[in-house]
Protein backbone atom coordinates (compact mmCIF):
# COMPACT_ATOMS: atom_id res chain seq x y z
CA UNK A 1 100.66 101.30 109.97
CA UNK A 2 96.95 101.35 109.20
CA UNK A 3 96.33 104.53 111.21
CA UNK A 4 99.20 106.29 109.43
CA UNK A 5 97.83 105.23 106.05
CA UNK A 6 94.36 106.46 107.03
CA UNK A 7 95.76 109.81 108.19
CA UNK A 8 97.56 110.29 104.87
CA UNK A 9 94.52 109.20 102.87
CA UNK A 10 92.32 111.67 104.75
CA UNK A 11 94.76 114.44 103.85
CA UNK A 12 94.72 113.43 100.19
CA UNK A 13 91.00 112.83 99.79
CA UNK A 14 89.26 115.18 102.21
CA UNK A 15 86.53 112.62 102.94
CA UNK A 16 83.08 113.65 104.03
CA UNK A 17 81.64 112.18 107.22
CA UNK A 18 79.71 109.66 105.16
CA UNK A 19 82.94 108.48 103.49
CA UNK A 20 85.03 107.79 106.61
CA UNK A 21 84.05 104.14 106.95
CA UNK A 22 84.66 103.46 103.27
CA UNK A 23 88.05 105.19 103.41
CA UNK A 24 89.11 103.16 106.47
CA UNK A 25 88.17 99.92 104.68
CA UNK A 26 89.97 101.03 101.52
CA UNK A 27 93.10 101.77 103.58
CA UNK A 28 92.99 98.32 105.15
CA UNK A 29 92.57 96.71 101.73
CA UNK A 30 95.39 98.80 100.23
CA UNK A 31 97.74 97.81 103.06
CA UNK A 32 96.96 94.13 102.46
CA UNK A 33 97.35 94.48 98.70
CA UNK A 34 100.75 96.19 98.90
CA UNK A 35 101.98 93.80 101.59
CA UNK A 36 101.03 90.87 99.37
CA UNK A 37 102.90 92.30 96.41
CA UNK A 38 106.19 92.92 98.23
CA UNK A 39 109.13 90.97 96.85
CA UNK A 40 110.39 88.09 98.93
CA UNK A 41 112.57 89.34 101.76
CA UNK A 42 111.12 92.87 101.70
CA UNK A 43 108.81 93.99 104.50
CA UNK A 44 106.70 97.14 104.82
CA UNK A 45 109.19 98.63 107.29
CA UNK A 46 112.04 98.38 104.79
CA UNK A 47 110.22 100.66 102.36
CA UNK A 48 108.14 102.49 104.97
CA UNK A 49 107.79 105.91 103.35
CA UNK A 50 106.96 104.55 99.90
CA UNK A 51 104.65 101.93 101.42
CA UNK A 52 102.66 104.45 103.46
CA UNK A 53 102.32 106.83 100.54
CA UNK A 54 101.40 104.12 98.03
CA UNK A 55 98.76 102.61 100.32
CA UNK A 56 97.26 106.05 100.99
CA UNK A 57 97.28 106.87 97.27
CA UNK A 58 95.62 103.54 96.45
CA UNK A 59 92.91 104.05 99.08
CA UNK A 60 92.32 107.60 97.89
CA UNK A 61 92.06 106.36 94.30
CA UNK A 62 89.41 103.89 95.38
CA UNK A 63 87.43 106.59 97.12
CA UNK A 64 87.72 109.04 94.21
CA UNK A 65 86.71 106.41 91.68
CA UNK A 66 83.48 105.95 93.61
CA UNK A 67 82.63 109.63 93.61
CA UNK A 68 80.71 111.35 90.85
CA UNK A 69 81.56 114.97 90.22
CA UNK A 70 84.79 114.55 92.18
CA UNK A 71 86.22 117.56 93.98
CA UNK A 72 89.76 117.39 95.26
CA UNK A 73 91.06 120.05 97.68
CA UNK A 74 94.60 120.46 98.93
CA UNK A 75 95.21 123.64 100.91
CA UNK A 76 93.96 126.58 98.87
CA UNK A 77 93.77 124.64 95.60
CA UNK A 78 90.59 122.88 94.48
CA UNK A 79 90.07 120.79 91.38
CA UNK A 80 86.64 119.69 90.25
CA UNK A 81 86.38 116.91 87.71
CA UNK A 82 83.20 115.36 86.34
CA UNK A 83 84.81 111.91 86.29
CA UNK A 84 86.82 110.86 89.34
CA UNK A 85 88.24 107.96 87.35
CA UNK A 86 90.95 110.03 85.64
CA UNK A 87 92.36 111.34 88.91
CA UNK A 88 92.04 107.91 90.50
CA UNK A 89 94.09 106.36 87.70
CA UNK A 90 96.81 108.99 88.11
CA UNK A 91 96.99 108.19 91.84
CA UNK A 92 97.25 104.47 91.11
CA UNK A 93 100.09 105.09 88.65
CA UNK A 94 101.94 107.16 91.24
CA UNK A 95 101.52 104.42 93.85
CA UNK A 96 102.92 101.88 91.37
CA UNK A 97 105.87 104.18 90.63
CA UNK A 98 106.68 104.62 94.31
CA UNK A 99 106.54 100.91 95.04
CA UNK A 100 108.20 99.75 91.81
CA UNK A 101 111.56 98.89 93.39
CA UNK A 102 109.94 96.84 96.17
CA UNK A 103 107.18 94.79 94.54
CA UNK A 104 106.58 92.14 91.95
CA UNK A 105 104.86 93.26 88.77
CA UNK A 106 101.09 93.63 88.96
CA UNK A 107 99.08 91.23 86.85
CA UNK A 108 102.10 89.73 85.10
CA UNK A 109 101.11 86.96 82.72
CA UNK A 110 102.83 84.82 80.14
CA UNK A 111 100.96 84.76 76.85
CA UNK A 112 101.63 82.51 73.93
CA UNK A 113 104.37 80.64 75.73
CA UNK A 114 104.33 76.91 75.30
CA UNK A 115 105.82 74.93 78.09
């Protein structure tokens, strides 16, 4: 799955030659993260399309967050943003939305509960 995630992330992020290694590592980390968050009894193959997209979006978000003066190109459309963080956050939210039915909540904590 890692190669498929990397292919999708390349399409989304348009990495420069100097970003390829970082993107590959981010894809590997995203795959591990999403695999670890899957609900019990759910495997990556059971939610394949959402899993691949979410991992690619997460890796792309990581890459964009590290860029300054981010430029995102998809086909004939280019968007330039002085802060890559805003776009990165939107990608993370989309990944969460896609995987919502298959994962446990991120960073869920009980507060103020006495037990």
